[in-house]
Amino acid sequence: MGAGPWVAGTPIALQLHGDHSFVLARSFGIMVMQGGFALLEAGSVHIANRGNIMMKNLADMSFCMVFFLLYGYSLGLAEGNSFIGGGGSVGLRNADAIEYTAFFYHFSFATTTGTIVSGAVA
């Protein structure tokens, strides 16, 4: 299965920008699920606890951003050995656009997973 004829004449820079745009659009779609999970959880608890649920989701995403930036991305996806990644990209230092796109994509899954698990408890 080869690429279509329209890809052959397209400059590689344009293809890369299209790839980044698609990955970022999907990442934003996953992040929008945060709001859906927040509303689902808010509908599952007593009305007095809805503010706490919304704050929990906001804190969940904020703490996940910090810790995934500092530790998670580097340990999971940086170059290292066959078991764990190295510490070469802690805080995304010396990162390029490809790594920022990959970070946001994986961060969106990490934060949504945390919200799903905490929502199951609620």
PDB file of N, CA and C in Angstrom:
ATOM      1  N   MET A   1       0.854  -1.164   0.000  1.00  0.00           N
ATOM      2  CA  MET A   1       0.000   0.000   0.000  1.00  0.00           C
ATOM      3  C   MET A   1       0.896   1.222   0.000  1.00  0.00           C
ATOM      4  N   GLY A   2       0.978   1.892  -1.081  1.00  0.00           N
ATOM      5  CA  GLY A   2       1.834   3.064  -1.199  1.00  0.00           C
ATOM      6  C   GLY A   2       1.050   4.344  -0.982  1.00  0.00           C
ATOM      7  N   ALA A   3       1.770   5.433  -0.949  1.00  0.00           N
ATOM      8  CA  ALA A   3       1.138   6.733  -0.788  1.00  0.00           C
ATOM      9  C   ALA A   3       0.460   7.124  -2.093  1.00  0.00           C
ATOM     10  N   GLY A   4      -0.544   7.940  -1.977  1.00  0.00           N
ATOM     11  CA  GLY A   4      -1.261   8.392  -3.155  1.00  0.00           C
ATOM     12  C   GLY A   4      -0.394   9.301  -4.009  1.00  0.00           C
ATOM     13  N   PRO A   5      -0.815   9.551  -5.239  1.00  0.00           N
ATOM     14  CA  PRO A   5      -0.004  10.390  -6.134  1.00  0.00           C
ATOM     15  C   PRO A   5       0.112  11.830  -5.657  1.00  0.00           C
ATOM     16  N   TRP A   6      -0.820  12.294  -4.836  1.00  0.00           N
ATOM     17  CA  TRP A   6      -0.760  13.658  -4.364  1.00  0.00           C
ATOM     18  C   TRP A   6       0.362  13.853  -3.348  1.00  0.00           C
ATOM     19  N   VAL A   7       0.795  12.792  -2.679  1.00  0.00           N
ATOM     20  CA  VAL A   7       1.861  12.897  -1.691  1.00  0.00           C
ATOM     21  C   VAL A   7       3.216  13.028  -2.360  1.00  0.00           C
ATOM     22  N   ALA A   8       3.382  12.391  -3.507  1.00  0.00           N
ATOM     23  CA  ALA A   8       4.685  12.364  -4.170  1.00  0.00           C
ATOM     24  C   ALA A   8       5.181  13.762  -4.532  1.00  0.00           C
ATOM     25  N   GLY A   9       4.290  14.650  -4.931  1.00  0.00           N
ATOM     26  CA  GLY A   9       4.708  15.988  -5.337  1.00  0.00           C
ATOM     27  C   GLY A   9       4.667  17.012  -4.210  1.00  0.00           C
ATOM     28  N   THR A  10       4.290  16.600  -3.018  1.00  0.00           N
ATOM     29  CA  THR A  10       4.161  17.527  -1.899  1.00  0.00           C
ATOM     30  C   THR A  10       5.499  17.677  -1.187  1.00  0.00           C
ATOM     31  N   PRO A  11       5.916  18.897  -0.903  1.00  0.00           N
ATOM     32  CA  PRO A  11       7.173  19.079  -0.168  1.00  0.00           C
ATOM     33  C   PRO A  11       7.092  18.426   1.212  1.00  0.00           C
ATOM     34  N   ILE A  12       8.200  17.907   1.676  1.00  0.00           N
ATOM     35  CA  ILE A  12       8.224  17.188   2.948  1.00  0.00           C
ATOM     36  C   ILE A  12       7.859  18.092   4.116  1.00  0.00           C
ATOM     37  N   ALA A  13       8.202  19.367   4.048  1.00  0.00           N
ATOM     38  CA  ALA A  13       7.858  20.294   5.128  1.00  0.00           C
ATOM     39  C   ALA A  13       6.344  20.433   5.255  1.00  0.00           C
ATOM     40  N   LEU A  14       5.650  20.467   4.132  1.00  0.00           N
ATOM     41  CA  LEU A  14       4.194  20.566   4.163  1.00  0.00           C
ATOM     42  C   LEU A  14       3.576  19.296   4.731  1.00  0.00           C
ATOM     43  N   GLN A  15       4.141  18.152   4.411  1.00  0.00           N
ATOM     44  CA  GLN A  15       3.653  16.897   4.961  1.00  0.00           C
ATOM     45  C   GLN A  15       3.845  16.866   6.480  1.00  0.00           C
ATOM     46  N   LEU A  16       4.989  17.329   6.952  1.00  0.00           N
ATOM     47  CA  LEU A  16       5.243  17.349   8.393  1.00  0.00           C
ATOM     48  C   LEU A  16       4.290  18.295   9.115  1.00  0.00           C
ATOM     49  N   HIS A  17       4.023  19.459   8.523  1.00  0.00           N
ATOM     50  CA  HIS A  17       3.073  20.389   9.135  1.00  0.00           C
ATOM     51  C   HIS A  17       1.682  19.777   9.190  1.00  0.00           C
ATOM     52  N   GLY A  18       1.305  19.052   8.167  1.00  0.00           N
ATOM     53  CA  GLY A  18       0.014  18.371   8.174  1.00  0.00           C
ATOM     54  C   GLY A  18      -0.049  17.293   9.235  1.00  0.00           C
ATOM     55  N   ASP A  19       1.042  16.557   9.395  1.00  0.00           N
ATOM     56  CA  ASP A  19       1.087  15.535  10.436  1.00  0.00           C
ATOM     57  C   ASP A  19       0.951  16.157  11.820  1.00  0.00           C
ATOM     58  N   HIS A  20       1.690  17.234  12.066  1.00  0.00           N
ATOM     59  CA  HIS A  20       1.612  17.910  13.367  1.00  0.00           C
ATOM     60  C   HIS A  20       0.215  18.460  13.613  1.00  0.00           C
ATOM     61  N   SER A  21      -0.377  19.031  12.584  1.00  0.00           N
ATOM     62  CA  SER A  21      -1.725  19.587  12.732  1.00  0.00           C
ATOM     63  C   SER A  21      -2.731  18.504  13.080  1.00  0.00           C
ATOM     64  N   PHE A  22      -2.612  17.350  12.434  1.00  0.00           N
ATOM     65  CA  PHE A  22      -3.542  16.264  12.717  1.00  0.00           C
ATOM     66  C   PHE A  22      -3.364  15.756  14.142  1.00  0.00           C
ATOM     67  N   VAL A  23      -2.129  15.560  14.570  1.00  0.00           N
ATOM     68  CA  VAL A  23      -1.870  15.059  15.927  1.00  0.00           C
ATOM     69  C   VAL A  23      -2.347  16.072  16.966  1.00  0.00           C
ATOM     70  N   LEU A  24      -2.106  17.354  16.729  1.00  0.00           N
ATOM     71  CA  LEU A  24      -2.566  18.367  17.670  1.00  0.00           C
ATOM     72  C   LEU A  24      -4.083  18.447  17.719  1.00  0.00           C
ATOM     73  N   ALA A  25      -4.739  18.308  16.573  1.00  0.00           N
ATOM     74  CA  ALA A  25      -6.205  18.326  16.554  1.00  0.00           C
ATOM     75  C   ALA A  25      -6.773  17.153  17.336  1.00  0.00           C
ATOM     76  N   ARG A  26      -6.187  15.994  17.196  1.00  0.00           N
ATOM     77  CA  ARG A  26      -6.642  14.829  17.960  1.00  0.00           C
ATOM     78  C   ARG A  26      -6.345  15.000  19.444  1.00  0.00           C
ATOM     79  N   SER A  27      -5.238  15.629  19.757  1.00  0.00           N
ATOM     80  CA  SER A  27      -4.901  15.864  21.167  1.00  0.00           C
ATOM     81  C   SER A  27      -5.897  16.826  21.802  1.00  0.00           C
ATOM     82  N   PHE A  28      -6.269  17.876  21.076  1.00  0.00           N
ATOM     83  CA  PHE A  28      -7.286  18.787  21.597  1.00  0.00           C
ATOM     84  C   PHE A  28      -8.622  18.075  21.755  1.00  0.00           C
ATOM     85  N   GLY A  29      -8.942  17.169  20.841  1.00  0.00           N
ATOM     86  CA  GLY A  29     -10.168  16.375  20.977  1.00  0.00           C
ATOM     87  C   GLY A  29     -10.167  15.526  22.233  1.00  0.00           C
ATOM     88  N   ILE A  30      -9.030  14.970  22.554  1.00  0.00           N
ATOM     89  CA  ILE A  30      -8.916  14.165  23.769  1.00  0.00           C
ATOM     90  C   ILE A  30      -9.028  15.061  25.003  1.00  0.00           C
ATOM     91  N   MET A  31      -8.444  16.261  24.938  1.00  0.00           N
ATOM     92  CA  MET A  31      -8.532  17.177  26.070  1.00  0.00           C
ATOM     93  C   MET A  31      -9.967  17.651  26.297  1.00  0.00           C
ATOM     94  N   VAL A  32     -10.747  17.753  25.245  1.00  0.00           N
ATOM     95  CA  VAL A  32     -12.153  18.146  25.391  1.00  0.00           C
ATOM     96  C   VAL A  32     -12.921  17.075  26.169  1.00  0.00           C
ATOM     97  N   MET A  33     -12.448  15.847  26.085  1.00  0.00           N
ATOM     98  CA  MET A  33     -13.090  14.775  26.852  1.00  0.00           C
ATOM     99  C   MET A  33     -12.998  15.043  28.352  1.00  0.00           C
ATOM    100  N   GLN A  34     -12.024  15.834  28.782  1.00  0.00           N
ATOM    101  CA  GLN A  34     -11.922  16.200  30.192  1.00  0.00           C
ATOM    102  C   GLN A  34     -13.213  16.869  30.665  1.00  0.00           C
ATOM    103  N   GLY A  35     -13.710  17.799  29.863  1.00  0.00           N
ATOM    104  CA  GLY A  35     -14.958  18.476  30.224  1.00  0.00           C
ATOM    105  C   GLY A  35     -16.134  17.522  30.270  1.00  0.00           C
ATOM    106  N   GLY A  36     -16.172  16.590  29.332  1.00  0.00           N
ATOM    107  CA  GLY A  36     -17.238  15.600  29.335  1.00  0.00           C
ATOM    108  C   GLY A  36     -17.200  14.709  30.557  1.00  0.00           C
ATOM    109  N   PHE A  37     -16.001  14.294  30.936  1.00  0.00           N
ATOM    110  CA  PHE A  37     -15.880  13.469  32.139  1.00  0.00           C
ATOM    111  C   PHE A  37     -16.241  14.270  33.390  1.00  0.00           C
ATOM    112  N   ALA A  38     -15.882  15.546  33.407  1.00  0.00           N
ATOM    113  CA  ALA A  38     -16.234  16.388  34.548  1.00  0.00           C
ATOM    114  C   ALA A  38     -17.752  16.497  34.687  1.00  0.00           C
ATOM    115  N   LEU A  39     -18.441  16.685  33.571  1.00  0.00           N
ATOM    116  CA  LEU A  39     -19.902  16.766  33.626  1.00  0.00           C
ATOM    117  C   LEU A  39     -20.525  15.428  33.996  1.00  0.00           C
ATOM    118  N   LEU A  40     -19.957  14.346  33.512  1.00  0.00           N
ATOM    119  CA  LEU A  40     -20.453  13.021  33.871  1.00  0.00           C
ATOM    120  C   LEU A  40     -20.295  12.768  35.365  1.00  0.00           C
ATOM    121  N   GLU A  41     -19.138  13.116  35.908  1.00  0.00           N
ATOM    122  CA  GLU A  41     -18.914  12.943  37.337  1.00  0.00           C
ATOM    123  C   GLU A  41     -19.817  13.857  38.150  1.00  0.00           C
ATOM    124  N   ALA A  42     -20.010  15.093  37.690  1.00  0.00           N
ATOM    125  CA  ALA A  42     -20.860  16.035  38.414  1.00  0.00           C
ATOM    126  C   ALA A  42     -22.300  15.545  38.462  1.00  0.00           C
ATOM    127  N   GLY A  43     -22.724  14.859  37.427  1.00  0.00           N
ATOM    128  CA  GLY A  43     -24.072  14.312  37.426  1.00  0.00           C
ATOM    129  C   GLY A  43     -24.224  13.065  38.283  1.00  0.00           C
ATOM    130  N   SER A  44     -23.109  12.493  38.687  1.00  0.00           N
ATOM    131  CA  SER A  44     -23.146  11.262  39.479  1.00  0.00           C
ATOM    132  C   SER A  44     -23.073  11.498  40.980  1.00  0.00           C
ATOM    133  N   VAL A  45     -22.779  12.722  41.390  1.00  0.00           N
ATOM    134  CA  VAL A  45     -22.620  13.002  42.815  1.00  0.00           C
ATOM    135  C   VAL A  45     -23.711  13.957  43.284  1.00  0.00           C
ATOM    136  N   HIS A  46     -23.771  14.135  44.583  1.00  0.00           N
ATOM    137  CA  HIS A  46     -24.742  15.039  45.178  1.00  0.00           C
ATOM    138  C   HIS A  46     -24.454  16.466  44.733  1.00  0.00           C
ATOM    139  N   ILE A  47     -25.481  17.288  44.664  1.00  0.00           N
ATOM    140  CA  ILE A  47     -25.335  18.650  44.144  1.00  0.00           C
ATOM    141  C   ILE A  47     -24.341  19.474  44.958  1.00  0.00           C
ATOM    142  N   ALA A  48     -24.205  19.185  46.241  1.00  0.00           N
ATOM    143  CA  ALA A  48     -23.273  19.927  47.080  1.00  0.00           C
ATOM    144  C   ALA A  48     -21.818  19.615  46.738  1.00  0.00           C
ATOM    145  N   ASN A  49     -21.575  18.507  46.086  1.00  0.00           N
ATOM    146  CA  ASN A  49     -20.201  18.096  45.781  1.00  0.00           C
ATOM    147  C   ASN A  49     -19.764  18.434  44.357  1.00  0.00           C
ATOM    148  N   ARG A  50     -20.595  19.076  43.585  1.00  0.00           N
ATOM    149  CA  ARG A  50     -20.251  19.361  42.182  1.00  0.00           C
ATOM    150  C   ARG A  50     -19.067  20.305  42.057  1.00  0.00           C
ATOM    151  N   GLY A  51     -18.984  21.282  42.917  1.00  0.00           N
ATOM    152  CA  GLY A  51     -17.839  22.191  42.883  1.00  0.00           C
ATOM    153  C   GLY A  51     -16.543  21.462  43.178  1.00  0.00           C
ATOM    154  N   ASN A  52     -16.609  20.525  44.114  1.00  0.00           N
ATOM    155  CA  ASN A  52     -15.415  19.739  44.438  1.00  0.00           C
ATOM    156  C   ASN A  52     -14.990  18.886  43.255  1.00  0.00           C
ATOM    157  N   ILE A  53     -15.938  18.327  42.545  1.00  0.00           N
ATOM    158  CA  ILE A  53     -15.619  17.487  41.386  1.00  0.00           C
ATOM    159  C   ILE A  53     -14.962  18.332  40.297  1.00  0.00           C
ATOM    160  N   MET A  54     -15.491  19.502  40.039  1.00  0.00           N
ATOM    161  CA  MET A  54     -14.902  20.367  39.016  1.00  0.00           C
ATOM    162  C   MET A  54     -13.487  20.799  39.406  1.00  0.00           C
ATOM    163  N   MET A  55     -13.307  21.132  40.681  1.00  0.00           N
ATOM    164  CA  MET A  55     -11.972  21.515  41.150  1.00  0.00           C
ATOM    165  C   MET A  55     -11.017  20.336  41.081  1.00  0.00           C
ATOM    166  N   LYS A  56     -11.499  19.143  41.379  1.00  0.00           N
ATOM    167  CA  LYS A  56     -10.666  17.949  41.313  1.00  0.00           C
ATOM    168  C   LYS A  56     -10.192  17.718  39.881  1.00  0.00           C
ATOM    169  N   ASN A  57     -11.066  17.902  38.920  1.00  0.00           N
ATOM    170  CA  ASN A  57     -10.678  17.721  37.520  1.00  0.00           C
ATOM    171  C   ASN A  57      -9.666  18.769  37.079  1.00  0.00           C
ATOM    172  N   LEU A  58      -9.839  19.995  37.529  1.00  0.00           N
ATOM    173  CA  LEU A  58      -8.881  21.042  37.190  1.00  0.00           C
ATOM    174  C   LEU A  58      -7.519  20.762  37.834  1.00  0.00           C
ATOM    175  N   ALA A  59      -7.534  20.371  39.098  1.00  0.00           N
ATOM    176  CA  ALA A  59      -6.286  20.041  39.791  1.00  0.00           C
ATOM    177  C   ALA A  59      -5.636  18.806  39.183  1.00  0.00           C
ATOM    178  N   ASP A  60      -6.458  17.849  38.802  1.00  0.00           N
ATOM    179  CA  ASP A  60      -5.969  16.628  38.158  1.00  0.00           C
ATOM    180  C   ASP A  60      -5.165  16.962  36.902  1.00  0.00           C
ATOM    181  N   MET A  61      -5.714  17.821  36.080  1.00  0.00           N
ATOM    182  CA  MET A  61      -5.046  18.184  34.835  1.00  0.00           C
ATOM    183  C   MET A  61      -3.807  19.038  35.109  1.00  0.00           C
ATOM    184  N   SER A  62      -3.877  19.933  36.075  1.00  0.00           N
ATOM    185  CA  SER A  62      -2.742  20.807  36.377  1.00  0.00           C
ATOM    186  C   SER A  62      -1.562  20.030  36.938  1.00  0.00           C
ATOM    187  N   PHE A  63      -1.815  19.168  37.920  1.00  0.00           N
ATOM    188  CA  PHE A  63      -0.730  18.387  38.508  1.00  0.00           C
ATOM    189  C   PHE A  63      -0.162  17.390  37.499  1.00  0.00           C
ATOM    190  N   CYS A  64      -1.027  16.838  36.690  1.00  0.00           N
ATOM    191  CA  CYS A  64      -0.557  15.899  35.673  1.00  0.00           C
ATOM    192  C   CYS A  64       0.353  16.607  34.684  1.00  0.00           C
ATOM    193  N   MET A  65       0.033  17.840  34.327  1.00  0.00           N
ATOM    194  CA  MET A  65       0.877  18.592  33.393  1.00  0.00           C
ATOM    195  C   MET A  65       2.270  18.783  33.963  1.00  0.00           C
ATOM    196  N   VAL A  66       2.351  19.188  35.218  1.00  0.00           N
ATOM    197  CA  VAL A  66       3.653  19.455  35.833  1.00  0.00           C
ATOM    198  C   VAL A  66       4.469  18.169  35.960  1.00  0.00           C
ATOM    199  N   PHE A  67       3.861  17.126  36.514  1.00  0.00           N
ATOM    200  CA  PHE A  67       4.613  15.902  36.763  1.00  0.00           C
ATOM    201  C   PHE A  67       4.906  15.123  35.490  1.00  0.00           C
ATOM    202  N   PHE A  68       4.007  15.178  34.521  1.00  0.00           N
ATOM    203  CA  PHE A  68       4.299  14.512  33.256  1.00  0.00           C
ATOM    204  C   PHE A  68       5.393  15.255  32.508  1.00  0.00           C
ATOM    205  N   LEU A  69       5.416  16.586  32.623  1.00  0.00           N
ATOM    206  CA  LEU A  69       6.474  17.369  31.994  1.00  0.00           C
ATOM    207  C   LEU A  69       7.826  17.073  32.632  1.00  0.00           C
ATOM    208  N   LEU A  70       7.858  17.008  33.956  1.00  0.00           N
ATOM    209  CA  LEU A  70       9.124  16.813  34.650  1.00  0.00           C
ATOM    210  C   LEU A  70       9.613  15.369  34.626  1.00  0.00           C
ATOM    211  N   TYR A  71       8.712  14.412  34.786  1.00  0.00           N
ATOM    212  CA  TYR A  71       9.141  13.026  34.956  1.00  0.00           C
ATOM    213  C   TYR A  71       8.571  12.059  33.924  1.00  0.00           C
ATOM    214  N   GLY A  72       7.285  12.125  33.690  1.00  0.00           N
ATOM    215  CA  GLY A  72       6.606  11.102  32.892  1.00  0.00           C
ATOM    216  C   GLY A  72       7.085  10.995  31.466  1.00  0.00           C
ATOM    217  N   TYR A  73       7.169  12.114  30.786  1.00  0.00           N
ATOM    218  CA  TYR A  73       7.580  12.079  29.378  1.00  0.00           C
ATOM    219  C   TYR A  73       9.012  11.587  29.241  1.00  0.00           C
ATOM    220  N   SER A  74       9.880  12.062  30.100  1.00  0.00           N
ATOM    221  CA  SER A  74      11.287  11.674  30.020  1.00  0.00           C
ATOM    222  C   SER A  74      11.470  10.192  30.335  1.00  0.00           C
ATOM    223  N   LEU A  75      10.793   9.706  31.359  1.00  0.00           N
ATOM    224  CA  LEU A  75      10.934   8.296  31.727  1.00  0.00           C
ATOM    225  C   LEU A  75      10.261   7.362  30.739  1.00  0.00           C
ATOM    226  N   GLY A  76       9.203   7.825  30.123  1.00  0.00           N
ATOM    227  CA  GLY A  76       8.470   6.955  29.221  1.00  0.00           C
ATOM    228  C   GLY A  76       8.925   6.987  27.775  1.00  0.00           C
ATOM    229  N   LEU A  77       9.392   8.131  27.303  1.00  0.00           N
ATOM    230  CA  LEU A  77       9.609   8.268  25.869  1.00  0.00           C
ATOM    231  C   LEU A  77      10.982   8.753  25.453  1.00  0.00           C
ATOM    232  N   ALA A  78      11.802   9.179  26.392  1.00  0.00           N
ATOM    233  CA  ALA A  78      13.146   9.627  26.017  1.00  0.00           C
ATOM    234  C   ALA A  78      14.028   8.415  25.743  1.00  0.00           C
ATOM    235  N   GLU A  79      15.114   8.666  25.051  1.00  0.00           N
ATOM    236  CA  GLU A  79      16.031   7.572  24.752  1.00  0.00           C
ATOM    237  C   GLU A  79      16.700   7.110  26.036  1.00  0.00           C
ATOM    238  N   GLY A  80      16.739   5.817  26.202  1.00  0.00           N
ATOM    239  CA  GLY A  80      17.354   5.218  27.376  1.00  0.00           C
ATOM    240  C   GLY A  80      17.675   3.774  27.072  1.00  0.00           C
ATOM    241  N   ASN A  81      17.417   2.894  28.021  1.00  0.00           N
ATOM    242  CA  ASN A  81      17.633   1.475  27.756  1.00  0.00           C
ATOM    243  C   ASN A  81      16.322   0.822  27.354  1.00  0.00           C
ATOM    244  N   SER A  82      16.297  -0.493  27.291  1.00  0.00           N
ATOM    245  CA  SER A  82      15.092  -1.186  26.829  1.00  0.00           C
ATOM    246  C   SER A  82      13.985  -1.202  27.875  1.00  0.00           C
ATOM    247  N   PHE A  83      14.289  -0.836  29.119  1.00  0.00           N
ATOM    248  CA  PHE A  83      13.287  -0.871  30.182  1.00  0.00           C
ATOM    249  C   PHE A  83      12.663   0.493  30.449  1.00  0.00           C
ATOM    250  N   ILE A  84      13.482   1.526  30.504  1.00  0.00           N
ATOM    251  CA  ILE A  84      12.984   2.842  30.883  1.00  0.00           C
ATOM    252  C   ILE A  84      13.747   3.916  30.113  1.00  0.00           C
ATOM    253  N   GLY A  85      13.084   5.021  29.877  1.00  0.00           N
ATOM    254  CA  GLY A  85      13.731   6.113  29.160  1.00  0.00           C
ATOM    255  C   GLY A  85      14.764   6.816  30.013  1.00  0.00           C
ATOM    256  N   GLY A  86      15.579   7.585  29.396  1.00  0.00           N
ATOM    257  CA  GLY A  86      16.608   8.324  30.111  1.00  0.00           C
ATOM    258  C   GLY A  86      16.093   9.656  30.609  1.00  0.00           C
ATOM    259  N   GLY A  87      16.923  10.393  31.261  1.00  0.00           N
ATOM    260  CA  GLY A  87      16.547  11.693  31.788  1.00  0.00           C
ATOM    261  C   GLY A  87      16.947  12.827  30.868  1.00  0.00           C
ATOM    262  N   GLY A  88      17.162  12.551  29.619  1.00  0.00           N
ATOM    263  CA  GLY A  88      17.670  13.553  28.698  1.00  0.00           C
ATOM    264  C   GLY A  88      16.696  14.644  28.340  1.00  0.00           C
ATOM    265  N   SER A  89      15.399  14.422  28.512  1.00  0.00           N
ATOM    266  CA  SER A  89      14.440  15.451  28.119  1.00  0.00           C
ATOM    267  C   SER A  89      13.553  15.876  29.281  1.00  0.00           C
ATOM    268  N   VAL A  90      14.133  15.926  30.492  1.00  0.00           N
ATOM    269  CA  VAL A  90      13.383  16.393  31.655  1.00  0.00           C
ATOM    270  C   VAL A  90      13.007  17.853  31.424  1.00  0.00           C
ATOM    271  N   GLY A  91      11.745  18.142  31.534  1.00  0.00           N
ATOM    272  CA  GLY A  91      11.265  19.497  31.305  1.00  0.00           C
ATOM    273  C   GLY A  91      11.313  19.934  29.850  1.00  0.00           C
ATOM    274  N   LEU A  92      11.496  18.999  28.939  1.00  0.00           N
ATOM    275  CA  LEU A  92      11.570  19.246  27.498  1.00  0.00           C
ATOM    276  C   LEU A  92      12.668  20.241  27.133  1.00  0.00           C
ATOM    277  N   ARG A  93      13.765  20.185  27.831  1.00  0.00           N
ATOM    278  CA  ARG A  93      14.870  21.078  27.465  1.00  0.00           C
ATOM    279  C   ARG A  93      15.479  20.593  26.150  1.00  0.00           C
ATOM    280  N   ASN A  94      15.874  21.515  25.334  1.00  0.00           N
ATOM    281  CA  ASN A  94      16.433  21.258  24.008  1.00  0.00           C
ATOM    282  C   ASN A  94      15.470  20.473  23.114  1.00  0.00           C
ATOM    283  N   ALA A  95      14.178  20.689  23.296  1.00  0.00           N
ATOM    284  CA  ALA A  95      13.183  19.963  22.509  1.00  0.00           C
ATOM    285  C   ALA A  95      12.867  20.728  21.231  1.00  0.00           C
ATOM    286  N   ASP A  96      12.463  19.978  20.205  1.00  0.00           N
ATOM    287  CA  ASP A  96      12.038  20.594  18.953  1.00  0.00           C
ATOM    288  C   ASP A  96      10.521  20.453  18.828  1.00  0.00           C
ATOM    289  N   ALA A  97       9.977  20.898  17.715  1.00  0.00           N
ATOM    290  CA  ALA A  97       8.526  20.899  17.529  1.00  0.00           C
ATOM    291  C   ALA A  97       7.951  19.487  17.551  1.00  0.00           C
ATOM    292  N   ILE A  98       8.700  18.521  17.060  1.00  0.00           N
ATOM    293  CA  ILE A  98       8.213  17.137  17.053  1.00  0.00           C
ATOM    294  C   ILE A  98       8.030  16.634  18.482  1.00  0.00           C
ATOM    295  N   GLU A  99       8.969  16.958  19.354  1.00  0.00           N
ATOM    296  CA  GLU A  99       8.856  16.508  20.739  1.00  0.00           C
ATOM    297  C   GLU A  99       7.731  17.222  21.479  1.00  0.00           C
ATOM    298  N   TYR A 100       7.515  18.503  21.196  1.00  0.00           N
ATOM    299  CA  TYR A 100       6.402  19.209  21.828  1.00  0.00           C
ATOM    300  C   TYR A 100       5.065  18.614  21.397  1.00  0.00           C
ATOM    301  N   THR A 101       4.946  18.275  20.135  1.00  0.00           N
ATOM    302  CA  THR A 101       3.718  17.653  19.651  1.00  0.00           C
ATOM    303  C   THR A 101       3.516  16.292  20.307  1.00  0.00           C
ATOM    304  N   ALA A 102       4.573  15.501  20.367  1.00  0.00           N
ATOM    305  CA  ALA A 102       4.482  14.182  21.013  1.00  0.00           C
ATOM    306  C   ALA A 102       4.159  14.324  22.492  1.00  0.00           C
ATOM    307  N   PHE A 103       4.763  15.316  23.145  1.00  0.00           N
ATOM    308  CA  PHE A 103       4.479  15.530  24.564  1.00  0.00           C
ATOM    309  C   PHE A 103       3.006  15.840  24.779  1.00  0.00           C
ATOM    310  N   PHE A 104       2.454  16.767  24.003  1.00  0.00           N
ATOM    311  CA  PHE A 104       1.055  17.142  24.195  1.00  0.00           C
ATOM    312  C   PHE A 104       0.120  15.980  23.898  1.00  0.00           C
ATOM    313  N   TYR A 105       0.458  15.189  22.907  1.00  0.00           N
ATOM    314  CA  TYR A 105      -0.356  14.019  22.571  1.00  0.00           C
ATOM    315  C   TYR A 105      -0.372  13.027  23.731  1.00  0.00           C
ATOM    316  N   HIS A 106       0.777  12.705  24.259  1.00  0.00           N
ATOM    317  CA  HIS A 106       0.844  11.743  25.358  1.00  0.00           C
ATOM    318  C   HIS A 106       0.305  12.339  26.660  1.00  0.00           C
ATOM    319  N   PHE A 107       0.498  13.630  26.864  1.00  0.00           N
ATOM    320  CA  PHE A 107      -0.053  14.279  28.044  1.00  0.00           C
ATOM    321  C   PHE A 107      -1.573  14.231  28.038  1.00  0.00           C
ATOM    322  N   SER A 108      -2.190  14.413  26.878  1.00  0.00           N
ATOM    323  CA  SER A 108      -3.650  14.380  26.822  1.00  0.00           C
ATOM    324  C   SER A 108      -4.183  13.018  27.240  1.00  0.00           C
ATOM    325  N   PHE A 109      -3.501  11.956  26.861  1.00  0.00           N
ATOM    326  CA  PHE A 109      -3.921  10.626  27.300  1.00  0.00           C
ATOM    327  C   PHE A 109      -3.671  10.426  28.786  1.00  0.00           C
ATOM    328  N   ALA A 110      -2.535  10.902  29.280  1.00  0.00           N
ATOM    329  CA  ALA A 110      -2.204  10.710  30.693  1.00  0.00           C
ATOM    330  C   ALA A 110      -3.202  11.424  31.595  1.00  0.00           C
ATOM    331  N   THR A 111      -3.552  12.646  31.261  1.00  0.00           N
ATOM    332  CA  THR A 111      -4.474  13.388  32.108  1.00  0.00           C
ATOM    333  C   THR A 111      -5.895  12.845  32.007  1.00  0.00           C
ATOM    334  N   THR A 112      -6.302  12.391  30.837  1.00  0.00           N
ATOM    335  CA  THR A 112      -7.637  11.818  30.692  1.00  0.00           C
ATOM    336  C   THR A 112      -7.735  10.490  31.436  1.00  0.00           C
ATOM    337  N   THR A 113      -6.687   9.706  31.422  1.00  0.00           N
ATOM    338  CA  THR A 113      -6.692   8.449  32.161  1.00  0.00           C
ATOM    339  C   THR A 113      -6.837   8.701  33.651  1.00  0.00           C
ATOM    340  N   GLY A 114      -6.127   9.700  34.167  1.00  0.00           N
ATOM    341  CA  GLY A 114      -6.261  10.035  35.582  1.00  0.00           C
ATOM    342  C   GLY A 114      -7.660  10.474  35.941  1.00  0.00           C
ATOM    343  N   THR A 115      -8.309  11.216  35.059  1.00  0.00           N
ATOM    344  CA  THR A 115      -9.673  11.667  35.319  1.00  0.00           C
ATOM    345  C   THR A 115     -10.656  10.501  35.270  1.00  0.00           C
ATOM    346  N   ILE A 116     -10.452   9.561  34.371  1.00  0.00           N
ATOM    347  CA  ILE A 116     -11.337   8.401  34.296  1.00  0.00           C
ATOM    348  C   ILE A 116     -11.257   7.587  35.585  1.00  0.00           C
ATOM    349  N   VAL A 117     -10.047   7.373  36.058  1.00  0.00           N
ATOM    350  CA  VAL A 117      -9.873   6.571  37.263  1.00  0.00           C
ATOM    351  C   VAL A 117     -10.476   7.277  38.468  1.00  0.00           C
ATOM    352  N   SER A 118     -10.207   8.569  38.630  1.00  0.00           N
ATOM    353  CA  SER A 118     -10.769   9.280  39.772  1.00  0.00           C
ATOM    354  C   SER A 118     -12.287   9.423  39.643  1.00  0.00           C
ATOM    355  N   GLY A 119     -12.787   9.488  38.418  1.00  0.00           N
ATOM    356  CA  GLY A 119     -14.238   9.553  38.225  1.00  0.00           C
ATOM    357  C   GLY A 119     -14.927   8.255  38.577  1.00  0.00           C
ATOM    358  N   ALA A 120     -14.243   7.145  38.382  1.00  0.00           N
ATOM    359  CA  ALA A 120     -14.818   5.849  38.762  1.00  0.00           C
ATOM    360  C   ALA A 120     -14.982   5.766  40.278  1.00  0.00           C
ATOM    361  N   VAL A 121     -14.096   6.404  40.999  1.00  0.00           N
ATOM    362  CA  VAL A 121     -14.199   6.434  42.454  1.00  0.00           C
ATOM    363  C   VAL A 121     -15.382   7.304  42.888  1.00  0.00           C
ATOM    364  N   ALA A 122     -15.608   8.405  42.182  1.00  0.00           N
ATOM    365  CA  ALA A 122     -16.722   9.298  42.526  1.00  0.00           C
ATOM    366  C   ALA A 122     -18.036   8.614  42.203  1.00  0.00           C
TER     367      ALA A 122
END
